[in-house]
Amino acid sequence: MSEETKNEAVEVPAKFKALIEQIEQMSVLDLADLVKVLEKKFGVSAAAPVAMMAAMPGAGAPAAEEKDSFNVELTEVGANKIAVIKVVRELTSLGLKEAKDMVDGAPKVLKEGIKKEEAEAMKKKIEESGAKVTLK
C-alpha cells in the first residue's frame, strides 16, 4: 500500500496525528508488544474478530465430518490394574504378557483408526474397570 492510498483510505483526526506518526515509526516487534499491552490493559483481544470471520463460512460442519477415526489411549491405569489388564486383553486380543506390558506402559494407544462408536464402547468398558481413557 502506498503512502497516498493509506492517507486516502482513512482520514486521521488531528488529535491522533502525532500518535499515528509514532506508530508508523515503530518496528514490527514494538507493534506486537504494543498490541499485547493494549490487550492486557483493556481486557480485549485483537485476534478474536479475525478468528470469528475465518470460522463463519460453515467451518463447523466439515470439522465434525473429518474426525471419523479415533485412537483409544489408555492414560491412567487406576487402582485395579488386574481388571484393566483383563479388559485390555479382551478388547485387543493380546496375550497376557503383551496386555500387561501395554497397561504398565500407560499412557499408551490401545487401538488406532477405529470408528467413533467402537472407540466410545472401548472407552466405556475400560473406564468401568477403573482406568482413564482419552479418544484422539
N, C-alpha and C. Protein backbone atom coordinates (compact mmCIF):
# COMPACT_ATOMS: atom_id res chain seq x y z
N MET A 1 0.84 -1.16 0.00
CA MET A 1 0.00 0.00 0.00
C MET A 1 0.89 1.24 0.00
N SER A 2 0.61 2.13 -0.88
CA SER A 2 1.43 3.34 -0.96
C SER A 2 1.01 4.33 0.11
N GLU A 3 1.85 5.35 0.31
CA GLU A 3 1.57 6.38 1.31
C GLU A 3 0.28 7.11 0.98
N GLU A 4 0.05 7.38 -0.33
CA GLU A 4 -1.16 8.10 -0.73
C GLU A 4 -2.41 7.27 -0.47
N THR A 5 -2.35 5.97 -0.74
CA THR A 5 -3.51 5.09 -0.53
C THR A 5 -3.88 5.04 0.95
N LYS A 6 -2.88 4.97 1.83
CA LYS A 6 -3.16 4.93 3.27
C LYS A 6 -3.88 6.20 3.71
N ASN A 7 -3.39 7.35 3.25
CA ASN A 7 -3.97 8.62 3.66
C ASN A 7 -5.36 8.81 3.10
N GLU A 8 -5.62 8.32 1.88
CA GLU A 8 -6.95 8.47 1.28
C GLU A 8 -7.98 7.54 1.93
N ALA A 9 -7.55 6.36 2.34
CA ALA A 9 -8.48 5.37 2.88
C ALA A 9 -9.03 5.78 4.24
N VAL A 10 -8.19 6.39 5.07
CA VAL A 10 -8.61 6.74 6.42
C VAL A 10 -8.23 8.19 6.69
N GLU A 11 -9.22 8.96 7.08
CA GLU A 11 -8.94 10.34 7.47
C GLU A 11 -8.65 10.36 8.96
N VAL A 12 -7.43 10.76 9.31
CA VAL A 12 -7.00 10.75 10.70
C VAL A 12 -7.35 12.08 11.35
N PRO A 13 -8.12 12.04 12.45
CA PRO A 13 -8.43 13.28 13.17
C PRO A 13 -7.15 13.92 13.70
N ALA A 14 -7.16 15.22 13.84
CA ALA A 14 -5.97 15.98 14.24
C ALA A 14 -5.42 15.50 15.58
N LYS A 15 -6.30 15.13 16.52
CA LYS A 15 -5.83 14.73 17.84
C LYS A 15 -5.06 13.41 17.83
N PHE A 16 -5.18 12.60 16.73
CA PHE A 16 -4.48 11.32 16.64
C PHE A 16 -3.27 11.36 15.73
N LYS A 17 -3.02 12.46 15.03
CA LYS A 17 -1.94 12.52 14.05
C LYS A 17 -0.58 12.22 14.66
N ALA A 18 -0.28 12.80 15.81
CA ALA A 18 1.02 12.57 16.45
C ALA A 18 1.16 11.10 16.85
N LEU A 19 0.09 10.52 17.38
CA LEU A 19 0.11 9.12 17.78
C LEU A 19 0.32 8.21 16.56
N ILE A 20 -0.38 8.48 15.48
CA ILE A 20 -0.24 7.69 14.26
C ILE A 20 1.18 7.79 13.72
N GLU A 21 1.76 8.97 13.77
CA GLU A 21 3.14 9.14 13.31
C GLU A 21 4.10 8.32 14.16
N GLN A 22 3.89 8.28 15.48
CA GLN A 22 4.73 7.47 16.35
C GLN A 22 4.58 5.98 16.02
N ILE A 23 3.37 5.56 15.80
CA ILE A 23 3.12 4.15 15.49
C ILE A 23 3.77 3.78 14.16
N GLU A 24 3.73 4.66 13.19
CA GLU A 24 4.34 4.39 11.89
C GLU A 24 5.85 4.22 12.01
N GLN A 25 6.47 4.82 13.01
CA GLN A 25 7.92 4.73 13.20
C GLN A 25 8.34 3.47 13.95
N MET A 26 7.40 2.73 14.52
CA MET A 26 7.71 1.55 15.32
C MET A 26 8.06 0.35 14.45
N SER A 27 8.89 -0.54 15.02
CA SER A 27 9.20 -1.79 14.33
C SER A 27 8.03 -2.77 14.54
N VAL A 28 8.07 -3.85 13.81
CA VAL A 28 7.02 -4.86 13.93
C VAL A 28 7.01 -5.45 15.34
N LEU A 29 8.19 -5.68 15.90
CA LEU A 29 8.26 -6.24 17.26
C LEU A 29 7.68 -5.27 18.28
N ASP A 30 7.98 -3.98 18.12
CA ASP A 30 7.41 -2.99 19.03
C ASP A 30 5.89 -2.94 18.90
N LEU A 31 5.39 -3.05 17.68
CA LEU A 31 3.94 -3.04 17.47
C LEU A 31 3.28 -4.26 18.13
N ALA A 32 3.94 -5.41 18.01
CA ALA A 32 3.41 -6.63 18.64
C ALA A 32 3.34 -6.45 20.16
N ASP A 33 4.39 -5.87 20.73
CA ASP A 33 4.40 -5.61 22.18
C ASP A 33 3.30 -4.63 22.56
N LEU A 34 3.12 -3.61 21.73
CA LEU A 34 2.08 -2.61 22.00
C LEU A 34 0.70 -3.27 22.00
N VAL A 35 0.46 -4.15 21.05
CA VAL A 35 -0.83 -4.84 20.98
C VAL A 35 -1.04 -5.67 22.25
N LYS A 36 0.00 -6.38 22.71
CA LYS A 36 -0.13 -7.18 23.93
C LYS A 36 -0.46 -6.31 25.13
N VAL A 37 0.23 -5.16 25.23
CA VAL A 37 -0.03 -4.26 26.35
C VAL A 37 -1.46 -3.74 26.31
N LEU A 38 -1.93 -3.36 25.13
CA LEU A 38 -3.30 -2.86 25.00
C LEU A 38 -4.33 -3.94 25.32
N GLU A 39 -4.04 -5.17 24.89
CA GLU A 39 -4.96 -6.27 25.19
C GLU A 39 -5.08 -6.49 26.70
N LYS A 40 -3.94 -6.46 27.40
CA LYS A 40 -3.96 -6.66 28.85
C LYS A 40 -4.61 -5.48 29.56
N LYS A 41 -4.26 -4.29 29.13
CA LYS A 41 -4.74 -3.08 29.79
C LYS A 41 -6.26 -2.96 29.72
N PHE A 42 -6.82 -3.26 28.54
CA PHE A 42 -8.25 -3.05 28.33
C PHE A 42 -9.07 -4.35 28.30
N GLY A 43 -8.40 -5.48 28.49
CA GLY A 43 -9.12 -6.75 28.54
C GLY A 43 -9.78 -7.14 27.23
N VAL A 44 -9.13 -6.85 26.12
CA VAL A 44 -9.67 -7.18 24.80
C VAL A 44 -8.68 -8.07 24.06
N SER A 45 -9.13 -8.63 22.96
CA SER A 45 -8.26 -9.45 22.13
C SER A 45 -8.33 -8.95 20.70
N ALA A 46 -7.17 -8.68 20.14
CA ALA A 46 -7.11 -8.20 18.76
C ALA A 46 -7.38 -9.32 17.78
N ALA A 47 -7.22 -10.57 18.18
CA ALA A 47 -7.36 -11.71 17.28
C ALA A 47 -8.79 -12.22 17.17
N ALA A 48 -9.64 -11.96 18.14
CA ALA A 48 -10.97 -12.55 18.18
C ALA A 48 -11.81 -12.24 16.93
N PRO A 49 -11.93 -11.00 16.47
CA PRO A 49 -12.76 -10.76 15.29
C PRO A 49 -12.24 -11.48 14.05
N VAL A 50 -10.95 -11.58 13.90
CA VAL A 50 -10.38 -12.26 12.74
C VAL A 50 -10.70 -13.74 12.80
N ALA A 51 -10.58 -14.35 13.97
CA ALA A 51 -10.86 -15.77 14.12
C ALA A 51 -12.34 -16.06 13.86
N MET A 52 -13.22 -15.19 14.31
CA MET A 52 -14.65 -15.40 14.08
C MET A 52 -14.97 -15.31 12.60
N MET A 53 -14.39 -14.37 11.91
CA MET A 53 -14.68 -14.20 10.50
C MET A 53 -14.16 -15.40 9.70
N ALA A 54 -13.01 -15.93 10.09
CA ALA A 54 -12.46 -17.07 9.38
C ALA A 54 -13.30 -18.31 9.60
N ALA A 55 -13.90 -18.43 10.77
CA ALA A 55 -14.68 -19.62 11.10
C ALA A 55 -16.12 -19.53 10.61
N MET A 56 -16.59 -18.36 10.25
CA MET A 56 -18.00 -18.19 9.92
C MET A 56 -18.50 -18.99 8.72
N PRO A 57 -17.78 -19.07 7.60
CA PRO A 57 -18.38 -19.73 6.44
C PRO A 57 -18.51 -21.24 6.58
N GLY A 58 -19.32 -21.70 7.53
CA GLY A 58 -19.65 -23.12 7.67
C GLY A 58 -18.48 -24.01 8.03
N ALA A 59 -17.52 -23.53 8.78
CA ALA A 59 -16.35 -24.32 9.12
C ALA A 59 -16.67 -25.39 10.16
N GLY A 60 -17.75 -25.26 10.91
CA GLY A 60 -18.08 -26.21 11.96
C GLY A 60 -18.48 -27.57 11.44
N ALA A 61 -19.27 -27.64 10.40
CA ALA A 61 -19.76 -28.91 9.88
C ALA A 61 -18.65 -29.78 9.31
N PRO A 62 -17.75 -29.29 8.46
CA PRO A 62 -16.70 -30.15 7.94
C PRO A 62 -15.77 -30.66 9.02
N ALA A 63 -15.53 -29.88 10.07
CA ALA A 63 -14.63 -30.31 11.13
C ALA A 63 -15.19 -31.57 11.80
N ALA A 64 -16.49 -31.64 12.01
CA ALA A 64 -17.09 -32.81 12.63
C ALA A 64 -17.01 -34.01 11.70
N GLU A 65 -17.15 -33.79 10.41
CA GLU A 65 -17.11 -34.88 9.45
C GLU A 65 -15.70 -35.44 9.29
N GLU A 66 -14.68 -34.62 9.40
CA GLU A 66 -13.31 -35.04 9.21
C GLU A 66 -12.90 -36.11 10.22
N LYS A 67 -13.37 -36.00 11.44
CA LYS A 67 -12.95 -36.90 12.50
C LYS A 67 -13.81 -38.16 12.48
N ASP A 68 -13.48 -39.09 11.59
CA ASP A 68 -14.25 -40.33 11.50
C ASP A 68 -13.48 -41.52 12.04
N SER A 69 -12.22 -41.33 12.39
CA SER A 69 -11.47 -42.41 13.02
C SER A 69 -10.77 -41.87 14.26
N PHE A 70 -10.73 -42.71 15.28
CA PHE A 70 -10.21 -42.30 16.57
C PHE A 70 -9.14 -43.27 17.05
N ASN A 71 -8.27 -42.76 17.90
CA ASN A 71 -7.31 -43.59 18.61
C ASN A 71 -7.74 -43.66 20.06
N VAL A 72 -7.73 -44.85 20.64
CA VAL A 72 -8.10 -45.04 22.03
C VAL A 72 -6.79 -45.12 22.82
N GLU A 73 -6.60 -44.16 23.75
CA GLU A 73 -5.37 -44.12 24.53
C GLU A 73 -5.66 -44.35 26.00
N LEU A 74 -4.96 -45.33 26.56
CA LEU A 74 -5.03 -45.59 27.99
C LEU A 74 -4.13 -44.57 28.66
N THR A 75 -4.71 -43.64 29.43
CA THR A 75 -3.91 -42.56 30.03
C THR A 75 -3.49 -42.86 31.47
N GLU A 76 -4.39 -43.46 32.25
CA GLU A 76 -4.07 -43.84 33.64
C GLU A 76 -4.68 -45.20 33.93
N VAL A 77 -3.93 -46.01 34.67
CA VAL A 77 -4.40 -47.36 34.97
C VAL A 77 -5.40 -47.38 36.12
N GLY A 78 -5.17 -46.60 37.14
CA GLY A 78 -6.06 -46.62 38.29
C GLY A 78 -5.64 -47.67 39.30
N ALA A 79 -6.49 -47.94 40.28
CA ALA A 79 -6.16 -48.82 41.40
C ALA A 79 -6.27 -50.30 41.05
N ASN A 80 -7.20 -50.67 40.16
CA ASN A 80 -7.45 -52.07 39.87
C ASN A 80 -6.76 -52.48 38.57
N LYS A 81 -5.46 -52.63 38.64
CA LYS A 81 -4.64 -52.93 37.47
C LYS A 81 -5.01 -54.28 36.82
N ILE A 82 -5.31 -55.26 37.62
CA ILE A 82 -5.63 -56.60 37.09
C ILE A 82 -6.89 -56.54 36.23
N ALA A 83 -7.91 -55.83 36.70
CA ALA A 83 -9.15 -55.70 35.92
C ALA A 83 -8.89 -54.97 34.61
N VAL A 84 -8.02 -53.96 34.65
CA VAL A 84 -7.69 -53.22 33.42
C VAL A 84 -6.98 -54.14 32.44
N ILE A 85 -6.05 -54.94 32.92
CA ILE A 85 -5.33 -55.87 32.04
C ILE A 85 -6.31 -56.85 31.39
N LYS A 86 -7.27 -57.36 32.17
CA LYS A 86 -8.27 -58.29 31.61
C LYS A 86 -9.07 -57.63 30.50
N VAL A 87 -9.51 -56.39 30.72
CA VAL A 87 -10.31 -55.70 29.72
C VAL A 87 -9.47 -55.40 28.48
N VAL A 88 -8.22 -54.99 28.68
CA VAL A 88 -7.33 -54.71 27.54
C VAL A 88 -7.11 -55.98 26.73
N ARG A 89 -6.91 -57.09 27.40
CA ARG A 89 -6.75 -58.38 26.69
C ARG A 89 -7.98 -58.69 25.86
N GLU A 90 -9.13 -58.50 26.47
CA GLU A 90 -10.40 -58.81 25.80
C GLU A 90 -10.59 -57.93 24.56
N LEU A 91 -10.31 -56.64 24.69
CA LEU A 91 -10.59 -55.69 23.60
C LEU A 91 -9.54 -55.71 22.49
N THR A 92 -8.31 -56.08 22.83
CA THR A 92 -7.24 -56.02 21.84
C THR A 92 -6.80 -57.38 21.33
N SER A 93 -7.29 -58.44 21.92
CA SER A 93 -6.91 -59.81 21.56
C SER A 93 -5.41 -60.07 21.77
N LEU A 94 -4.83 -59.39 22.75
CA LEU A 94 -3.42 -59.59 23.07
C LEU A 94 -3.29 -60.70 24.09
N GLY A 95 -2.08 -61.23 24.19
CA GLY A 95 -1.79 -62.20 25.23
C GLY A 95 -1.64 -61.50 26.56
N LEU A 96 -1.51 -62.31 27.63
CA LEU A 96 -1.42 -61.75 28.97
C LEU A 96 -0.20 -60.84 29.12
N LYS A 97 0.96 -61.29 28.67
CA LYS A 97 2.18 -60.50 28.82
C LYS A 97 2.10 -59.20 28.03
N GLU A 98 1.61 -59.28 26.79
CA GLU A 98 1.52 -58.08 25.96
C GLU A 98 0.53 -57.06 26.56
N ALA A 99 -0.60 -57.58 27.04
CA ALA A 99 -1.59 -56.69 27.66
C ALA A 99 -1.02 -56.05 28.93
N LYS A 100 -0.30 -56.82 29.73
CA LYS A 100 0.31 -56.29 30.95
C LYS A 100 1.34 -55.22 30.60
N ASP A 101 2.18 -55.50 29.60
CA ASP A 101 3.18 -54.52 29.17
C ASP A 101 2.53 -53.23 28.68
N MET A 102 1.42 -53.38 27.97
CA MET A 102 0.71 -52.21 27.46
C MET A 102 0.14 -51.38 28.61
N VAL A 103 -0.45 -52.05 29.58
CA VAL A 103 -1.03 -51.35 30.73
C VAL A 103 0.08 -50.70 31.56
N ASP A 104 1.18 -51.41 31.75
CA ASP A 104 2.32 -50.86 32.51
C ASP A 104 2.93 -49.65 31.81
N GLY A 105 2.82 -49.60 30.49
CA GLY A 105 3.42 -48.51 29.73
C GLY A 105 2.52 -47.31 29.53
N ALA A 106 1.42 -47.25 30.28
CA ALA A 106 0.47 -46.13 30.11
C ALA A 106 1.18 -44.80 30.39
N PRO A 107 0.89 -43.76 29.65
CA PRO A 107 -0.12 -43.64 28.60
C PRO A 107 0.32 -44.37 27.32
N LYS A 108 -0.61 -45.10 26.75
CA LYS A 108 -0.33 -45.94 25.58
C LYS A 108 -1.57 -46.03 24.71
N VAL A 109 -1.38 -45.96 23.39
CA VAL A 109 -2.50 -46.11 22.46
C VAL A 109 -2.84 -47.59 22.36
N LEU A 110 -4.11 -47.91 22.64
CA LEU A 110 -4.54 -49.30 22.60
C LEU A 110 -4.98 -49.71 21.20
N LYS A 111 -5.75 -48.85 20.55
CA LYS A 111 -6.21 -49.11 19.18
C LYS A 111 -6.19 -47.82 18.40
N GLU A 112 -5.86 -47.92 17.12
CA GLU A 112 -5.77 -46.74 16.26
C GLU A 112 -6.75 -46.86 15.10
N GLY A 113 -7.27 -45.72 14.69
CA GLY A 113 -8.08 -45.63 13.48
C GLY A 113 -9.39 -46.40 13.53
N ILE A 114 -10.07 -46.37 14.65
CA ILE A 114 -11.35 -47.09 14.74
C ILE A 114 -12.50 -46.08 14.72
N LYS A 115 -13.68 -46.58 14.40
CA LYS A 115 -14.86 -45.72 14.31
C LYS A 115 -15.26 -45.21 15.69
N LYS A 116 -15.98 -44.09 15.69
CA LYS A 116 -16.36 -43.43 16.93
C LYS A 116 -17.15 -44.35 17.85
N GLU A 117 -18.11 -45.08 17.31
CA GLU A 117 -18.95 -45.96 18.13
C GLU A 117 -18.10 -47.01 18.85
N GLU A 118 -17.19 -47.62 18.10
CA GLU A 118 -16.32 -48.65 18.69
C GLU A 118 -15.40 -48.03 19.74
N ALA A 119 -14.88 -46.83 19.44
CA ALA A 119 -13.98 -46.14 20.38
C ALA A 119 -14.72 -45.80 21.67
N GLU A 120 -15.96 -45.31 21.55
CA GLU A 120 -16.76 -44.97 22.73
C GLU A 120 -17.05 -46.22 23.57
N ALA A 121 -17.35 -47.33 22.89
CA ALA A 121 -17.64 -48.58 23.61
C ALA A 121 -16.39 -49.06 24.35
N MET A 122 -15.22 -48.97 23.70
CA MET A 122 -13.97 -49.37 24.36
C MET A 122 -13.71 -48.48 25.56
N LYS A 123 -13.89 -47.19 25.37
CA LYS A 123 -13.63 -46.23 26.45
C LYS A 123 -14.51 -46.56 27.66
N LYS A 124 -15.79 -46.81 27.40
CA LYS A 124 -16.72 -47.09 28.49
C LYS A 124 -16.30 -48.35 29.25
N LYS A 125 -15.96 -49.40 28.51
CA LYS A 125 -15.60 -50.67 29.14
C LYS A 125 -14.32 -50.54 29.96
N ILE A 126 -13.33 -49.83 29.42
CA ILE A 126 -12.07 -49.67 30.14
C ILE A 126 -12.26 -48.80 31.37
N GLU A 127 -13.05 -47.73 31.24
CA GLU A 127 -13.29 -46.86 32.39
C GLU A 127 -14.06 -47.57 33.49
N GLU A 128 -14.91 -48.52 33.11
CA GLU A 128 -15.63 -49.31 34.11
C GLU A 128 -14.67 -50.16 34.95
N SER A 129 -13.51 -50.51 34.36
CA SER A 129 -12.53 -51.30 35.10
C SER A 129 -11.66 -50.42 36.00
N GLY A 130 -11.84 -49.09 35.93
CA GLY A 130 -11.12 -48.19 36.83
C GLY A 130 -10.02 -47.37 36.18
N ALA A 131 -9.79 -47.54 34.90
CA ALA A 131 -8.73 -46.80 34.21
C ALA A 131 -9.31 -45.53 33.58
N LYS A 132 -8.41 -44.66 33.14
CA LYS A 132 -8.82 -43.45 32.43
C LYS A 132 -8.37 -43.56 30.98
N VAL A 133 -9.26 -43.14 30.07
CA VAL A 133 -9.02 -43.28 28.64
C VAL A 133 -9.34 -41.96 27.96
N THR A 134 -8.56 -41.64 26.92
CA THR A 134 -8.89 -40.49 26.08
C THR A 134 -8.99 -40.94 24.64
N LEU A 135 -9.88 -40.28 23.91
CA LEU A 135 -10.03 -40.54 22.49
C LEU A 135 -9.35 -39.41 21.73
N LYS A 136 -8.54 -39.78 20.78
CA LYS A 136 -7.83 -38.76 20.00
C LYS A 136 -8.09 -38.97 18.53
